[in-house]
C-alpha atoms as a PDB file:
ATOM      1  CA  MET A   1     -10.978  -9.728   1.808  1.00  0.00           C
ATOM      2  CA  SER A   2     -10.466  -8.836   5.399  1.00  0.00           C
ATOM      3  CA  PHE A   3     -11.516  -6.217   7.995  1.00  0.00           C
ATOM      4  CA  ALA A   4      -9.423  -3.746   9.794  1.00  0.00           C
ATOM      5  CA  ALA A   5     -11.629  -3.792  12.976  1.00  0.00           C
ATOM      6  CA  PRO A   6     -13.956  -6.714  12.700  1.00  0.00           C
ATOM      7  CA  TRP A   7     -14.874  -6.559  16.369  1.00  0.00           C
ATOM      8  CA  LEU A   8     -16.929  -3.326  15.552  1.00  0.00           C
ATOM      9  CA  ALA A   9     -19.497  -5.718  13.910  1.00  0.00           C
ATOM     10  CA  LEU A  10     -20.780  -6.272  17.536  1.00  0.00           C
ATOM     11  CA  LEU A  11     -22.528  -2.890  17.243  1.00  0.00           C
ATOM     12  CA  LEU A  12     -24.930  -4.210  14.622  1.00  0.00           C
ATOM     13  CA  PRO A  13     -27.764  -5.270  17.015  1.00  0.00           C
ATOM     14  CA  LEU A  14     -27.483  -2.081  19.152  1.00  0.00           C
ATOM     15  CA  PRO A  15     -30.653  -0.449  17.693  1.00  0.00           C
ATOM     16  CA  LEU A  16     -32.675  -3.636  18.477  1.00  0.00           C
ATOM     17  CA  LEU A  17     -31.309  -3.772  21.955  1.00  0.00           C
ATOM     18  CA  LEU A  18     -32.201  -0.099  22.559  1.00  0.00           C
ATOM     19  CA  LEU A  19     -35.789  -0.725  21.343  1.00  0.00           C
ATOM     20  CA  ALA A  20     -36.055  -3.708  23.645  1.00  0.00           C
ATOM     21  CA  LEU A  21     -34.601  -1.961  26.725  1.00  0.00           C
ATOM     22  CA  LEU A  22     -35.939   1.583  26.507  1.00  0.00           C
ATOM     23  CA  PRO A  23     -39.539   2.291  27.762  1.00  0.00           C
ATOM     24  CA  ALA A  24     -42.207   2.529  25.090  1.00  0.00           C
ATOM     25  CA  ARG A  25     -43.173   6.065  24.176  1.00  0.00           C
ATOM     26  CA  SER A  26     -46.502   7.079  25.539  1.00  0.00           C
ATOM     27  CA  GLN A  27     -49.133   7.813  22.816  1.00  0.00           C
ATOM     28  CA  ARG A  28     -50.811  10.392  25.112  1.00  0.00           C
ATOM     29  CA  ALA A  29     -47.551  12.357  25.748  1.00  0.00           C
ATOM     30  CA  GLY A  30     -47.468  15.815  24.233  1.00  0.00           C
ATOM     31  CA  ALA A  31     -45.119  18.757  24.353  1.00  0.00           C
ATOM     32  CA  VAL A  32     -47.991  21.377  24.302  1.00  0.00           C
ATOM     33  CA  ALA A  33     -51.480  21.084  25.622  1.00  0.00           C
ATOM     34  CA  LEU A  34     -53.913  22.816  23.382  1.00  0.00           C
ATOM     35  CA  PRO A  35     -57.507  23.954  24.185  1.00  0.00           C
ATOM     36  CA  PRO A  36     -60.139  21.494  22.855  1.00  0.00           C
ATOM     37  CA  ALA A  37     -61.457  24.150  20.298  1.00  0.00           C
ATOM     38  CA  ILE A  38     -58.001  24.523  18.745  1.00  0.00           C
ATOM     39  CA  ALA A  39     -57.007  20.885  18.963  1.00  0.00           C
ATOM     40  CA  ALA A  40     -60.014  19.972  16.912  1.00  0.00           C
ATOM     41  CA  GLY A  41     -58.484  21.785  13.993  1.00  0.00           C
ATOM     42  CA  PHE A  42     -55.566  19.466  13.830  1.00  0.00           C
ATOM     43  CA  VAL A  43     -55.853  15.988  12.335  1.00  0.00           C
ATOM     44  CA  ALA A  44     -53.222  13.299  12.828  1.00  0.00           C
ATOM     45  CA  ALA A  45     -51.319  12.420   9.703  1.00  0.00           C
ATOM     46  CA  GLU A  46     -52.383   9.199   8.259  1.00  0.00           C
ATOM     47  CA  SER A  47     -49.506   6.592   8.380  1.00  0.00           C
ATOM     48  CA  THR A  48     -49.804   3.189   6.921  1.00  0.00           C
ATOM     49  CA  PRO A  49     -48.064   0.168   8.450  1.00  0.00           C
ATOM     50  CA  ALA A  50     -46.222  -0.480   5.233  1.00  0.00           C
ATOM     51  CA  ARG A  51     -44.615   2.950   5.326  1.00  0.00           C
ATOM     52  CA  ARG A  52     -43.698   2.684   8.872  1.00  0.00           C
ATOM     53  CA  HIS A  53     -41.975  -0.660   8.352  1.00  0.00           C
ATOM     54  CA  GLY A  54     -40.286   0.650   5.184  1.00  0.00           C
ATOM     55  CA  THR A  55     -38.888   3.571   7.138  1.00  0.00           C
ATOM     56  CA  GLY A  56     -37.656   1.199   9.876  1.00  0.00           C
ATOM     57  CA  ILE A  57     -36.088  -1.151   7.524  1.00  0.00           C
ATOM     58  CA  LEU A  58     -34.244   1.728   5.668  1.00  0.00           C
ATOM     59  CA  LEU A  59     -32.984   3.105   8.937  1.00  0.00           C
ATOM     60  CA  PHE A  60     -31.687  -0.411  10.032  1.00  0.00           C
ATOM     61  CA  VAL A  61     -30.054  -0.915   6.601  1.00  0.00           C
ATOM     62  CA  ALA A  62     -28.384   2.496   6.985  1.00  0.00           C
ATOM     63  CA  TRP A  63     -27.131   1.455  10.314  1.00  0.00           C
ATOM     64  CA  ALA A  64     -25.921  -1.899   9.079  1.00  0.00           C
ATOM     65  CA  ALA A  65     -23.965  -0.058   6.241  1.00  0.00           C
ATOM     66  CA  LEU A  66     -22.449   2.365   8.699  1.00  0.00           C
ATOM     67  CA  VAL A  67     -21.229  -0.588  10.921  1.00  0.00           C
ATOM     68  CA  ALA A  68     -19.878  -2.305   7.929  1.00  0.00           C
ATOM     69  CA  GLY A  69     -17.910   0.780   7.048  1.00  0.00           C
ATOM     70  CA  LEU A  70     -16.623   1.037  10.644  1.00  0.00           C
ATOM     71  CA  THR A  71     -15.210  -2.530  10.485  1.00  0.00           C
ATOM     72  CA  GLY A  72     -12.915  -1.421   7.661  1.00  0.00           C
ATOM     73  CA  PRO A  73     -13.631  -3.817   4.826  1.00  0.00           C
ATOM     74  CA  ARG A  74     -10.472  -4.100   2.543  1.00  0.00           C
ATOM     75  CA  GLN A  75      -8.809  -6.285   0.080  1.00  0.00           C
ATOM     76  CA  GLU A  76      -5.022  -6.760  -0.366  1.00  0.00           C
ATOM     77  CA  ARG A  77      -3.669  -6.029  -3.797  1.00  0.00           C
ATOM     78  CA  VAL A  78      -0.213  -6.722  -5.246  1.00  0.00           C
ATOM     79  CA  LEU A  79       0.845  -3.643  -7.143  1.00  0.00           C
ATOM     80  CA  ASP A  80       2.675  -4.049 -10.491  1.00  0.00           C
ATOM     81  CA  VAL A  81       5.260  -1.411  -9.572  1.00  0.00           C
ATOM     82  CA  VAL A  82       8.842  -1.524  -8.177  1.00  0.00           C
ATOM     83  CA  PRO A  83      10.033   1.324  -6.045  1.00  0.00           C
ATOM     84  CA  ALA A  84      13.273   3.051  -6.845  1.00  0.00           C
ATOM     85  CA  SER A  85      16.237   1.454  -4.985  1.00  0.00           C
ATOM     86  CA  GLY A  86      18.243   4.679  -4.703  1.00  0.00           C
ATOM     87  CA  ARG A  87      21.191   3.075  -6.453  1.00  0.00           C
ATOM     88  CA  ASP A  88      22.879   4.396  -9.626  1.00  0.00           C
ATOM     89  CA  ILE A  89      25.134   2.090 -11.655  1.00  0.00           C
ATOM     90  CA  VAL A  90      27.271   2.968 -14.569  1.00  0.00           C
ATOM     91  CA  LEU A  91      28.891   0.250 -16.685  1.00  0.00           C
ATOM     92  CA  ALA A  92      32.236   1.232 -18.242  1.00  0.00           C
ATOM     93  CA  LEU A  93      32.600  -1.114 -21.148  1.00  0.00           C
ATOM     94  CA  ASP A  94      35.799  -1.655 -23.082  1.00  0.00           C
ATOM     95  CA  LEU A  95      35.194  -1.622 -26.860  1.00  0.00           C
ATOM     96  CA  SER A  96      38.856  -1.827 -27.933  1.00  0.00           C
ATOM     97  CA  GLY A  97      39.952  -3.965 -30.841  1.00  0.00           C
ATOM     98  CA  SER A  98      41.028  -6.873 -28.592  1.00  0.00           C
ATOM     99  CA  MET A  99      37.262  -7.443 -27.643  1.00  0.00           C
ATOM    100  CA  GLU A 100      36.831  -8.936 -31.203  1.00  0.00           C
ATOM    101  CA  ARG A 101      38.893 -12.096 -30.207  1.00  0.00           C
ATOM    102  CA  GLU A 102      36.845 -15.229 -30.297  1.00  0.00           C
ATOM    103  CA  ASP A 103      38.082 -17.117 -27.310  1.00  0.00           C
ATOM    104  CA  PHE A 104      34.917 -17.461 -25.302  1.00  0.00           C
ATOM    105  CA  ASP A 105      32.478 -20.387 -25.469  1.00  0.00           C
ATOM    106  CA  LEU A 106      28.761 -19.424 -25.415  1.00  0.00           C
ATOM    107  CA  ASP A 107      26.119 -22.185 -25.672  1.00  0.00           C
ATOM    108  CA  GLY A 108      28.645 -24.383 -27.380  1.00  0.00           C
ATOM    109  CA  ALA A 109      29.913 -21.889 -29.920  1.00  0.00           C
ATOM    110  CA  GLN A 110      33.007 -19.809 -30.046  1.00  0.00           C
ATOM    111  CA  VAL A 111      32.132 -16.165 -29.708  1.00  0.00           C
ATOM    112  CA  SER A 112      33.988 -12.917 -29.347  1.00  0.00           C
ATOM    113  CA  ARG A 113      34.709 -11.421 -25.833  1.00  0.00           C
ATOM    114  CA  LEU A 114      32.287  -8.613 -26.731  1.00  0.00           C
ATOM    115  CA  ALA A 115      29.457 -11.134 -27.629  1.00  0.00           C
ATOM    116  CA  ALA A 116      29.912 -12.912 -24.313  1.00  0.00           C
ATOM    117  CA  VAL A 117      29.830  -9.618 -22.377  1.00  0.00           C
ATOM    118  CA  GLN A 118      26.708  -8.552 -24.338  1.00  0.00           C
ATOM    119  CA  ALA A 119      24.870 -11.709 -23.545  1.00  0.00           C
ATOM    120  CA  VAL A 120      25.658 -11.809 -19.867  1.00  0.00           C
ATOM    121  CA  GLY A 121      25.815  -7.955 -19.300  1.00  0.00           C
ATOM    122  CA  ALA A 122      22.367  -7.381 -20.876  1.00  0.00           C
ATOM    123  CA  GLY A 123      20.830 -10.023 -18.719  1.00  0.00           C
ATOM    124  CA  PHE A 124      22.500  -8.411 -15.550  1.00  0.00           C
ATOM    125  CA  VAL A 125      21.188  -4.977 -16.520  1.00  0.00           C
ATOM    126  CA  ARG A 126      17.659  -6.290 -17.122  1.00  0.00           C
ATOM    127  CA  GLY A 127      17.666  -7.701 -13.596  1.00  0.00           C
ATOM    128  CA  ARG A 128      18.465  -4.333 -12.033  1.00  0.00           C
ATOM    129  CA  THR A 129      14.795  -3.303 -11.723  1.00  0.00           C
ATOM    130  CA  GLY A 130      14.583  -0.273  -9.447  1.00  0.00           C
ATOM    131  CA  ASP A 131      18.087   0.971 -10.208  1.00  0.00           C
ATOM    132  CA  ARG A 132      19.127   3.647 -12.566  1.00  0.00           C
ATOM    133  CA  VAL A 133      21.682   2.255 -14.950  1.00  0.00           C
ATOM    134  CA  GLY A 134      23.936   3.960 -17.531  1.00  0.00           C
ATOM    135  CA  LEU A 135      26.542   2.876 -19.948  1.00  0.00           C
ATOM    136  CA  VAL A 136      29.950   4.400 -20.818  1.00  0.00           C
ATOM    137  CA  VAL A 137      32.085   2.843 -23.573  1.00  0.00           C
ATOM    138  CA  PHE A 138      35.670   3.527 -24.364  1.00  0.00           C
ATOM    139  CA  GLY A 139      38.383   2.832 -26.860  1.00  0.00           C
ATOM    140  CA  ASP A 140      40.558   5.652 -27.990  1.00  0.00           C
ATOM    141  CA  ARG A 141      38.157   7.935 -26.171  1.00  0.00           C
ATOM    142  CA  ALA A 142      35.234   7.475 -23.823  1.00  0.00           C
ATOM    143  CA  TYR A 143      31.561   8.215 -24.633  1.00  0.00           C
ATOM    144  CA  VAL A 144      28.250   8.036 -22.800  1.00  0.00           C
ATOM    145  CA  ALA A 145      26.259   5.396 -24.669  1.00  0.00           C
ATOM    146  CA  ALA A 146      23.263   5.467 -22.343  1.00  0.00           C
ATOM    147  CA  ALA A 147      22.442   8.107 -19.747  1.00  0.00           C
ATOM    148  CA  LEU A 148      21.326   6.912 -16.360  1.00  0.00           C
ATOM    149  CA  THR A 149      17.723   5.659 -16.526  1.00  0.00           C
ATOM    150  CA  HIS A 150      15.258   3.460 -14.784  1.00  0.00           C
ATOM    151  CA  ASP A 151      14.424   1.950 -18.157  1.00  0.00           C
ATOM    152  CA  VAL A 152      16.865  -1.017 -17.631  1.00  0.00           C
ATOM    153  CA  ALA A 153      15.498  -2.750 -20.712  1.00  0.00           C
ATOM    154  CA  ALA A 154      16.499   0.186 -22.918  1.00  0.00           C
ATOM    155  CA  ALA A 155      19.955   0.185 -21.362  1.00  0.00           C
ATOM    156  CA  ALA A 156      20.334  -3.514 -21.978  1.00  0.00           C
ATOM    157  CA  ARG A 157      19.374  -3.053 -25.601  1.00  0.00           C
ATOM    158  CA  VAL A 158      22.214  -0.416 -25.893  1.00  0.00           C
ATOM    159  CA  ILE A 159      24.635  -3.039 -24.612  1.00  0.00           C
ATOM    160  CA  GLU A 160      23.437  -5.681 -27.034  1.00  0.00           C
ATOM    161  CA  THR A 161      23.953  -3.333 -30.013  1.00  0.00           C
ATOM    162  CA  ALA A 162      27.383  -1.840 -29.039  1.00  0.00           C
ATOM    163  CA  GLN A 163      29.931  -2.264 -31.745  1.00  0.00           C
ATOM    164  CA  ILE A 164      33.724  -2.313 -31.686  1.00  0.00           C
ATOM    165  CA  GLY A 165      35.332   0.721 -33.393  1.00  0.00           C
ATOM    166  CA  VAL A 166      32.716   3.426 -32.558  1.00  0.00           C
ATOM    167  CA  SER A 167      35.098   4.847 -30.036  1.00  0.00           C
ATOM    168  CA  GLY A 168      38.393   3.693 -31.502  1.00  0.00           C
ATOM    169  CA  LYS A 169      40.363   0.469 -30.928  1.00  0.00           C
ATOM    170  CA  SER A 170      42.726   1.556 -28.130  1.00  0.00           C
ATOM    171  CA  THR A 171      42.039   1.001 -24.490  1.00  0.00           C
ATOM    172  CA  ALA A 172      41.573   4.314 -22.628  1.00  0.00           C
ATOM    173  CA  ILE A 173      40.711   2.830 -19.221  1.00  0.00           C
ATOM    174  CA  ALA A 174      41.417   6.012 -17.399  1.00  0.00           C
ATOM    175  CA  ASP A 175      39.105   7.975 -19.744  1.00  0.00           C
ATOM    176  CA  GLY A 176      36.293   5.647 -19.391  1.00  0.00           C
ATOM    177  CA  LEU A 177      36.714   5.517 -15.627  1.00  0.00           C
ATOM    178  CA  GLY A 178      36.927   9.328 -15.427  1.00  0.00           C
ATOM    179  CA  LEU A 179      33.769   9.805 -17.461  1.00  0.00           C
ATOM    180  CA  ALA A 180      31.842   7.284 -15.400  1.00  0.00           C
ATOM    181  CA  ILE A 181      32.898   9.120 -12.216  1.00  0.00           C
ATOM    182  CA  ARG A 182      31.807  12.488 -13.645  1.00  0.00           C
ATOM    183  CA  ARG A 183      28.386  11.048 -14.433  1.00  0.00           C
ATOM    184  CA  LEU A 184      27.964   9.925 -10.798  1.00  0.00           C
ATOM    185  CA  ARG A 185      29.672  12.583  -8.695  1.00  0.00           C
ATOM    186  CA  ASP A 186      26.780  15.007  -8.623  1.00  0.00           C
ATOM    187  CA  ARG A 187      24.117  12.368  -8.099  1.00  0.00           C
ATOM    188  CA  GLU A 188      22.235  12.228  -4.851  1.00  0.00           C
ATOM    189  CA  ALA A 189      21.660   8.429  -4.942  1.00  0.00           C
ATOM    190  CA  GLU A 190      22.175   6.498  -1.773  1.00  0.00           C
ATOM    191  CA  SER A 191      24.535   4.182  -3.553  1.00  0.00           C
ATOM    192  CA  ARG A 192      26.666   4.984  -6.608  1.00  0.00           C
ATOM    193  CA  VAL A 193      28.519   2.149  -8.385  1.00  0.00           C
ATOM    194  CA  ILE A 194      30.802   1.725 -11.357  1.00  0.00           C
ATOM    195  CA  ILE A 195      31.360  -1.698 -13.035  1.00  0.00           C
ATOM    196  CA  LEU A 196      34.461  -1.321 -15.086  1.00  0.00           C
ATOM    197  CA  LEU A 197      35.112  -4.212 -17.623  1.00  0.00           C
ATOM    198  CA  SER A 198      38.255  -4.403 -19.705  1.00  0.00           C
ATOM    199  CA  ASP A 199      40.352  -7.019 -21.456  1.00  0.00           C
ATOM    200  CA  GLY A 200      43.516  -5.029 -21.906  1.00  0.00           C
ATOM    201  CA  GLN A 201      45.829  -2.379 -20.318  1.00  0.00           C
ATOM    202  CA  ASP A 202      45.499   1.395 -20.217  1.00  0.00           C
ATOM    203  CA  THR A 203      47.105   2.867 -23.339  1.00  0.00           C
ATOM    204  CA  THR A 204      46.452   6.580 -22.724  1.00  0.00           C
ATOM    205  CA  GLY A 205      48.787   7.401 -19.855  1.00  0.00           C
ATOM    206  CA  ALA A 206      47.187  10.787 -19.478  1.00  0.00           C
ATOM    207  CA  VAL A 207      45.519  10.041 -16.140  1.00  0.00           C
ATOM    208  CA  ASP A 208      46.420   7.470 -13.460  1.00  0.00           C
ATOM    209  CA  PRO A 209      43.357   5.229 -13.255  1.00  0.00           C
ATOM    210  CA  VAL A 210      44.308   4.223  -9.680  1.00  0.00           C
ATOM    211  CA  ALA A 211      44.272   7.936  -8.699  1.00  0.00           C
ATOM    212  CA  ALA A 212      40.937   8.290 -10.380  1.00  0.00           C
ATOM    213  CA  ALA A 213      39.633   5.439  -8.250  1.00  0.00           C
ATOM    214  CA  ALA A 214      40.839   7.107  -5.176  1.00  0.00           C
ATOM    215  CA  THR A 215      38.982  10.162  -6.125  1.00  0.00           C
ATOM    216  CA  ALA A 216      35.809   8.036  -6.578  1.00  0.00           C
ATOM    217  CA  GLN A 217      36.216   6.638  -3.144  1.00  0.00           C
ATOM    218  CA  SER A 218      36.366  10.131  -1.677  1.00  0.00           C
ATOM    219  CA  LEU A 219      33.135  10.880  -3.477  1.00  0.00           C
ATOM    220  CA  GLY A 220      31.491   7.692  -2.124  1.00  0.00           C
ATOM    221  CA  ILE A 221      31.521   5.812  -5.425  1.00  0.00           C
ATOM    222  CA  ARG A 222      32.448   2.173  -5.335  1.00  0.00           C
ATOM    223  CA  ILE A 223      34.128   0.530  -8.377  1.00  0.00           C
ATOM    224  CA  TYR A 224      33.978  -3.166  -9.302  1.00  0.00           C
ATOM    225  CA  THR A 225      36.444  -4.203 -11.954  1.00  0.00           C
ATOM    226  CA  ILE A 226      36.258  -7.181 -14.217  1.00  0.00           C
ATOM    227  CA  ALA A 227      39.445  -8.440 -15.841  1.00  0.00           C
ATOM    228  CA  LEU A 228      38.305 -10.203 -18.959  1.00  0.00           C
ATOM    229  CA  GLY A 229      40.437 -12.698 -20.969  1.00  0.00           C
ATOM    230  CA  PRO A 230      42.482 -15.941 -20.694  1.00  0.00           C
ATOM    231  CA  ALA A 231      45.908 -14.229 -20.209  1.00  0.00           C
ATOM    232  CA  ASP A 232      47.098 -11.470 -17.975  1.00  0.00           C
ATOM    233  CA  LEU A 233      50.315  -9.503 -17.631  1.00  0.00           C
ATOM    234  CA  GLU A 234      51.194 -11.079 -14.218  1.00  0.00           C
ATOM    235  CA  THR A 235      51.456 -14.631 -15.437  1.00  0.00           C
ATOM    236  CA  THR A 236      51.975 -14.285 -19.274  1.00  0.00           C
ATOM    237  CA  PRO A 237      53.318 -10.738 -19.877  1.00  0.00           C
ATOM    238  CA  ASP A 238      54.183 -11.622 -23.483  1.00  0.00           C
ATOM    239  CA  ALA A 239      50.784 -12.941 -24.368  1.00  0.00           C
ATOM    240  CA  ARG A 240      48.788 -11.173 -27.002  1.00  0.00           C
ATOM    241  CA  ASP A 241      46.005  -8.911 -25.542  1.00  0.00           C
ATOM    242  CA  ALA A 242      46.890  -9.809 -22.012  1.00  0.00           C
ATOM    243  CA  VAL A 243      44.700  -7.985 -19.454  1.00  0.00           C
ATOM    244  CA  ASP A 244      46.297  -5.816 -16.753  1.00  0.00           C
ATOM    245  CA  SER A 245      44.563  -7.508 -13.949  1.00  0.00           C
ATOM    246  CA  GLU A 246      46.898  -5.986 -11.283  1.00  0.00           C
ATOM    247  CA  THR A 247      45.922  -2.453 -12.277  1.00  0.00           C
ATOM    248  CA  LEU A 248      42.305  -3.388 -12.291  1.00  0.00           C
ATOM    249  CA  ARG A 249      42.607  -4.856  -8.865  1.00  0.00           C
ATOM    250  CA  GLU A 250      44.314  -1.724  -7.516  1.00  0.00           C
ATOM    251  CA  ILE A 251      41.465   0.387  -9.019  1.00  0.00           C
ATOM    252  CA  ALA A 252      38.893  -1.729  -7.188  1.00  0.00           C
ATOM    253  CA  GLU A 253      40.744  -1.624  -3.862  1.00  0.00           C
ATOM    254  CA  ALA A 254      41.363   2.119  -4.117  1.00  0.00           C
ATOM    255  CA  SER A 255      37.600   2.704  -4.301  1.00  0.00           C
ATOM    256  CA  GLY A 256      36.573   0.193  -1.722  1.00  0.00           C
ATOM    257  CA  GLY A 257      35.123  -2.170  -4.330  1.00  0.00           C
ATOM    258  CA  GLU A 258      36.151  -5.707  -5.533  1.00  0.00           C
ATOM    259  CA  THR A 259      37.827  -7.112  -8.563  1.00  0.00           C
ATOM    260  CA  PHE A 260      36.907 -10.249 -10.519  1.00  0.00           C
ATOM    261  CA  ARG A 261      38.962 -12.415 -12.922  1.00  0.00           C
ATOM    262  CA  VAL A 262      37.042 -13.768 -15.825  1.00  0.00           C
ATOM    263  CA  ARG A 263      38.410 -16.408 -18.160  1.00  0.00           C
ATOM    264  CA  THR A 264      35.206 -18.096 -19.299  1.00  0.00           C
ATOM    265  CA  THR A 265      31.653 -17.341 -19.924  1.00  0.00           C
ATOM    266  CA  GLU A 266      30.776 -19.205 -16.694  1.00  0.00           C
ATOM    267  CA  ASP A 267      33.200 -16.888 -14.780  1.00  0.00           C
ATOM    268  CA  LEU A 268      31.406 -13.937 -16.218  1.00  0.00           C
ATOM    269  CA  ALA A 269      27.969 -15.207 -15.227  1.00  0.00           C
ATOM    270  CA  ALA A 270      29.281 -15.903 -11.665  1.00  0.00           C
ATOM    271  CA  VAL A 271      30.575 -12.312 -11.539  1.00  0.00           C
ATOM    272  CA  THR A 272      27.175 -10.817 -12.328  1.00  0.00           C
ATOM    273  CA  ALA A 273      25.678 -13.098  -9.654  1.00  0.00           C
ATOM    274  CA  ALA A 274      28.328 -11.889  -7.135  1.00  0.00           C
ATOM    275  CA  ILE A 275      27.643  -8.229  -7.882  1.00  0.00           C
ATOM    276  CA  ASP A 276      23.949  -8.853  -7.476  1.00  0.00           C
ATOM    277  CA  ARG A 277      24.709 -10.104  -3.898  1.00  0.00           C
ATOM    278  CA  LEU A 278      26.986  -7.213  -3.178  1.00  0.00           C
ATOM    279  CA  GLU A 279      24.522  -4.673  -4.564  1.00  0.00           C
ATOM    280  CA  PRO A 280      21.077  -6.321  -4.060  1.00  0.00           C
ATOM    281  CA  SER A 281      18.508  -5.481  -6.631  1.00  0.00           C
ATOM    282  CA  LEU A 282      14.810  -4.781  -5.884  1.00  0.00           C
ATOM    283  CA  ALA A 283      13.944  -7.211  -8.610  1.00  0.00           C
ATOM    284  CA  ASP A 284      14.234  -9.932  -6.076  1.00  0.00           C
ATOM    285  CA  ALA A 285      12.509  -8.023  -3.234  1.00  0.00           C
ATOM    286  CA  PRO A 286       8.970  -8.881  -2.033  1.00  0.00           C
ATOM    287  CA  PRO A 287       6.204  -7.442  -4.189  1.00  0.00           C
ATOM    288  CA  VAL A 288       4.686  -4.168  -3.198  1.00  0.00           C
ATOM    289  CA  ARG A 289       1.337  -4.674  -1.473  1.00  0.00           C
ATOM    290  CA  ALA A 290      -1.455  -2.205  -0.739  1.00  0.00           C
ATOM    291  CA  TRP A 291      -5.004  -2.235   0.593  1.00  0.00           C
ATOM    292  CA  GLN A 292      -8.012  -1.345  -1.476  1.00  0.00           C
ATOM    293  CA  VAL A 293     -10.542  -0.044   1.067  1.00  0.00           C
ATOM    294  CA  TYR A 294     -14.343  -0.261   0.696  1.00  0.00           C
ATOM    295  CA  TRP A 295     -15.613   1.851   3.697  1.00  0.00           C
ATOM    296  CA  PRO A 296     -16.526   4.802   1.302  1.00  0.00           C
ATOM    297  CA  TRP A 297     -18.950   2.486  -0.434  1.00  0.00           C
ATOM    298  CA  CYS A 298     -20.511   1.513   2.873  1.00  0.00           C
ATOM    299  CA  ALA A 299     -20.745   5.087   3.949  1.00  0.00           C
ATOM    300  CA  GLY A 300     -22.409   6.149   0.609  1.00  0.00           C
ATOM    301  CA  SER A 301     -24.880   3.293   1.045  1.00  0.00           C
ATOM    302  CA  ALA A 302     -25.696   4.405   4.634  1.00  0.00           C
ATOM    303  CA  LEU A 303     -26.391   7.962   3.544  1.00  0.00           C
ATOM    304  CA  ALA A 304     -28.529   6.845   0.612  1.00  0.00           C
ATOM    305  CA  CYS A 305     -30.700   4.749   2.893  1.00  0.00           C
ATOM    306  CA  LEU A 306     -30.909   7.607   5.561  1.00  0.00           C
ATOM    307  CA  PHE A 307     -32.072  10.064   2.855  1.00  0.00           C
ATOM    308  CA  ALA A 308     -34.574   7.548   1.446  1.00  0.00           C
ATOM    309  CA  ALA A 309     -35.941   6.992   5.068  1.00  0.00           C
ATOM    310  CA  LEU A 310     -36.187  10.723   5.719  1.00  0.00           C
ATOM    311  CA  ALA A 311     -38.076  11.176   2.393  1.00  0.00           C
ATOM    312  CA  LEU A 312     -40.468   8.352   3.206  1.00  0.00           C
ATOM    313  CA  HIS A 313     -41.022   9.729   6.715  1.00  0.00           C
ATOM    314  CA  GLY A 314     -41.734  13.146   5.256  1.00  0.00           C
ATOM    315  CA  ARG A 315     -44.394  11.638   3.011  1.00  0.00           C
ATOM    316  CA  GLU A 316     -46.083  10.113   6.036  1.00  0.00           C
ATOM    317  CA  ALA A 317     -46.227  13.479   7.777  1.00  0.00           C
ATOM    318  CA  THR A 318     -47.907  15.232   4.923  1.00  0.00           C
END
C-alpha cells in the first residue's frame, strides 16, 4: 500500500485550525431584527449536546475521508497477463522421410531427428509468450499445420503430434518457404520471422529457394535456417541424407537472417537459445504491474458521512 500524494495528509487538521483561529460566532447576531410581538412567536429549536457533537464528528470524519482520498491510496498489483510482442513467427518444418533416421541422442536414448526437433521445438514455442506462432510442414508439398496464434501451447502441441508422411516424403524446401512467406507477407506485425528447419536438399526445383528468401527480405521478413543432420553436402557429398547446408546458409543471408548447423540435440537446444536472444520473447520481460486505487471508497465514505451529518442537523432544526 502506498499513496500518490501523501503530503496532502497535512490538510487533515485544517478544520481544527480554522475553529481555533476564527473569531467565535456571536450568539446575539441576527440577519433580521423582528419586532418583539412577532419575535415572540418564534421559539428556538431545541438542540441537545449529543446531536451537536454527533454532527461535528460526522463532518470531521467526512473531511478525514476526503483528505484520505486526495492522498491517493493505492496498491500495486502484478497482472497475470503478457502483452502482445508485435512479432509473428512461422516455423517451416521438414517432414520428409529422412527425418525418421535415429541419429540423435535425447536423454541417453537414440531418437529420430523428428523426435529431437519435437522435444526442443515445442519447448521453444511454449517460451514465445506474447508472440503469434504458426507452423508450416512440408514434404512433397507444403501445408499449414497451425495458423498464427497467440496460443503458443496449442502450437507446441501441433509440433509434438506431427507425423512423417502426412505431406509426403520428399523435401520441398522451396514450397515450405514460399507458403510461410505467404502467411506473413500481409501481416502488420512489427517483426516477422520464419524459422526454416530441414535435414535434406530441395527436391522440387520448381522455385529457387534463395530467390524466395530475397523476396522475403524485400517484404521485411527475416529467415533463420537450421541445417539438421550429422552430414552435409559440402564435406560428405556422398553421404546418405546429407543436408544442403550451403543453400540453407544462402537462404538466411538473402533475407538478412542467420543460419545454424545442428549435429546433436545440444546443438539444437543452443540454436533455440540463440534465436531467443536474436528475437527476444516477452516471457522473460518484467511482469506487467498496475495500481489498484482506493480513492473512490474514500470519496464514497465522505459523501455518506456528509449526508448523515445533514440529516442529523435537519432533525435538530425541526
